[in-house]
Amino acid sequence: MAKRSSEDDGLERFRPVVSETDDVQVTRFLGLCKSCGQCIEKCPVKAISWDESELGLLGEPAITIDTALCIGCELCEQICPDAAIEIHNKKTERLLKERTTGSKSNK
């Protein structure tokens, strides 16, 4: 069994953290987050907060996004100066698919 190098440990912080519901998929890149807080300030539904258990690039608390509250508006993704957030609005995607195919899905 190969040993994990310290270089691999250093890269761990650059792995994306993904969470999702039926309506939204949120990807956070903690290794890019500089903890500026712009996303927290601009979120219209207050779904973003500080997470003391995870650190961003500069060793400050990173953000966490409550997928139960997130509406998938993508404002945080657009406002983030470090491209540390990706939002995939699955609900909008389903609605567009229904319009183009004329069928409805269960979700």
Protein backbone atom coordinates (compact mmCIF):
# COMPACT_ATOMS: atom_id res chain seq x y z
CA MET A 1 0.00 0.00 0.00
CA ALA A 2 1.43 3.36 -1.01
CA LYS A 3 2.01 5.98 1.64
CA ARG A 4 0.28 9.27 1.25
CA SER A 5 2.81 12.04 0.76
CA SER A 6 2.73 15.37 2.54
CA GLU A 7 2.21 16.90 -0.92
CA ASP A 8 -1.08 14.97 -1.20
CA ASP A 9 -2.08 16.27 2.25
CA GLY A 10 -1.40 19.83 1.07
CA LEU A 11 -3.62 19.32 -1.95
CA GLU A 12 -6.53 18.10 0.18
CA ARG A 13 -7.68 21.67 0.81
CA PHE A 14 -8.10 22.19 -2.94
CA ARG A 15 -10.57 19.34 -3.31
CA PRO A 16 -14.12 20.61 -3.82
CA VAL A 17 -16.74 20.18 -1.10
CA VAL A 18 -20.08 19.28 -2.71
CA SER A 19 -23.51 19.27 -1.09
CA GLU A 20 -26.88 19.07 -2.77
CA THR A 21 -30.63 18.75 -2.59
CA ASP A 22 -33.12 17.91 -5.32
CA ASP A 23 -33.11 21.57 -6.38
CA VAL A 24 -29.51 22.78 -6.00
CA GLN A 25 -25.93 21.51 -6.03
CA VAL A 26 -23.37 23.64 -4.20
CA THR A 27 -19.63 23.24 -4.69
CA ARG A 28 -17.23 25.09 -2.40
CA PHE A 29 -13.50 25.33 -3.11
CA LEU A 30 -12.09 25.99 0.37
CA GLY A 31 -8.54 26.27 -0.97
CA LEU A 32 -9.61 29.32 -2.99
CA CYS A 33 -11.83 31.02 -0.38
CA LYS A 34 -10.11 34.04 1.18
CA SER A 35 -12.95 34.53 3.69
CA CYS A 36 -13.87 37.99 2.40
CA GLY A 37 -17.54 37.50 3.34
CA GLN A 38 -19.01 39.15 0.23
CA CYS A 39 -21.17 36.10 -0.44
CA ILE A 40 -22.54 36.19 3.12
CA GLU A 41 -23.46 39.87 2.76
CA LYS A 42 -25.17 39.46 -0.62
CA CYS A 43 -27.09 36.19 -0.18
CA PRO A 44 -30.78 37.17 -0.44
CA VAL A 45 -31.98 34.26 1.73
CA LYS A 46 -29.10 34.24 4.27
CA ALA A 47 -28.12 30.66 3.33
CA ILE A 48 -24.38 31.38 3.74
CA SER A 49 -22.54 31.65 7.04
CA TRP A 50 -19.09 31.17 8.53
CA ASP A 51 -17.97 27.63 9.29
CA GLU A 52 -15.50 27.60 12.18
CA SER A 53 -14.65 23.93 11.51
CA GLU A 54 -13.29 24.54 7.98
CA LEU A 55 -10.57 26.96 7.00
CA GLY A 56 -10.14 28.93 3.82
CA LEU A 57 -6.94 29.76 1.94
CA LEU A 58 -5.63 32.24 4.50
CA GLY A 59 -6.45 30.13 7.57
CA GLU A 60 -9.61 32.05 8.39
CA PRO A 61 -13.02 30.36 8.75
CA ALA A 62 -14.46 29.36 5.38
CA ILE A 63 -18.07 29.70 4.37
CA THR A 64 -20.76 27.07 4.48
CA ILE A 65 -23.95 27.11 2.42
CA ASP A 66 -27.19 25.69 3.80
CA THR A 67 -28.61 23.82 0.81
CA ALA A 68 -32.03 23.66 2.49
CA LEU A 69 -32.20 27.48 2.33
CA CYS A 70 -30.30 28.08 -0.93
CA ILE A 71 -32.56 29.07 -3.84
CA GLY A 72 -29.85 28.60 -6.47
CA CYS A 73 -29.83 32.24 -7.60
CA GLU A 74 -26.06 32.01 -8.22
CA LEU A 75 -25.45 35.50 -6.81
CA CYS A 76 -22.73 34.18 -4.48
CA GLU A 77 -20.97 32.51 -7.40
CA GLN A 78 -21.08 35.74 -9.39
CA ILE A 79 -19.93 37.96 -6.50
CA CYS A 80 -17.07 35.73 -5.27
CA PRO A 81 -13.77 37.36 -6.32
CA ASP A 82 -11.92 34.05 -5.88
CA ALA A 83 -14.23 31.70 -7.87
CA ALA A 84 -14.57 29.60 -4.71
CA ILE A 85 -18.29 28.84 -5.19
CA GLU A 86 -20.17 27.00 -7.92
CA ILE A 87 -23.95 26.74 -7.92
CA HIS A 88 -25.88 24.35 -10.12
CA ASN A 89 -29.61 25.14 -10.10
CA LYS A 90 -31.18 21.76 -10.87
CA LYS A 91 -34.73 23.08 -10.51
CA THR A 92 -34.25 25.63 -13.29
CA GLU A 93 -32.61 22.98 -15.43
CA ARG A 94 -35.63 20.67 -14.95
CA LEU A 95 -38.07 23.46 -15.82
CA LEU A 96 -36.17 24.31 -19.00
CA LYS A 97 -36.08 20.65 -19.98
CA GLU A 98 -39.84 20.36 -19.41
CA ARG A 99 -40.45 23.39 -21.63
CA THR A 100 -38.32 22.06 -24.46
CA THR A 101 -39.52 18.45 -24.30
CA GLY A 102 -43.05 19.09 -23.09
CA SER A 103 -42.76 16.43 -20.37
CA LYS A 104 -42.80 16.71 -16.59
CA SER A 105 -40.57 14.86 -14.17
CA ASN A 106 -41.47 13.76 -10.64
CA LYS A 107 -39.14 16.25 -8.97
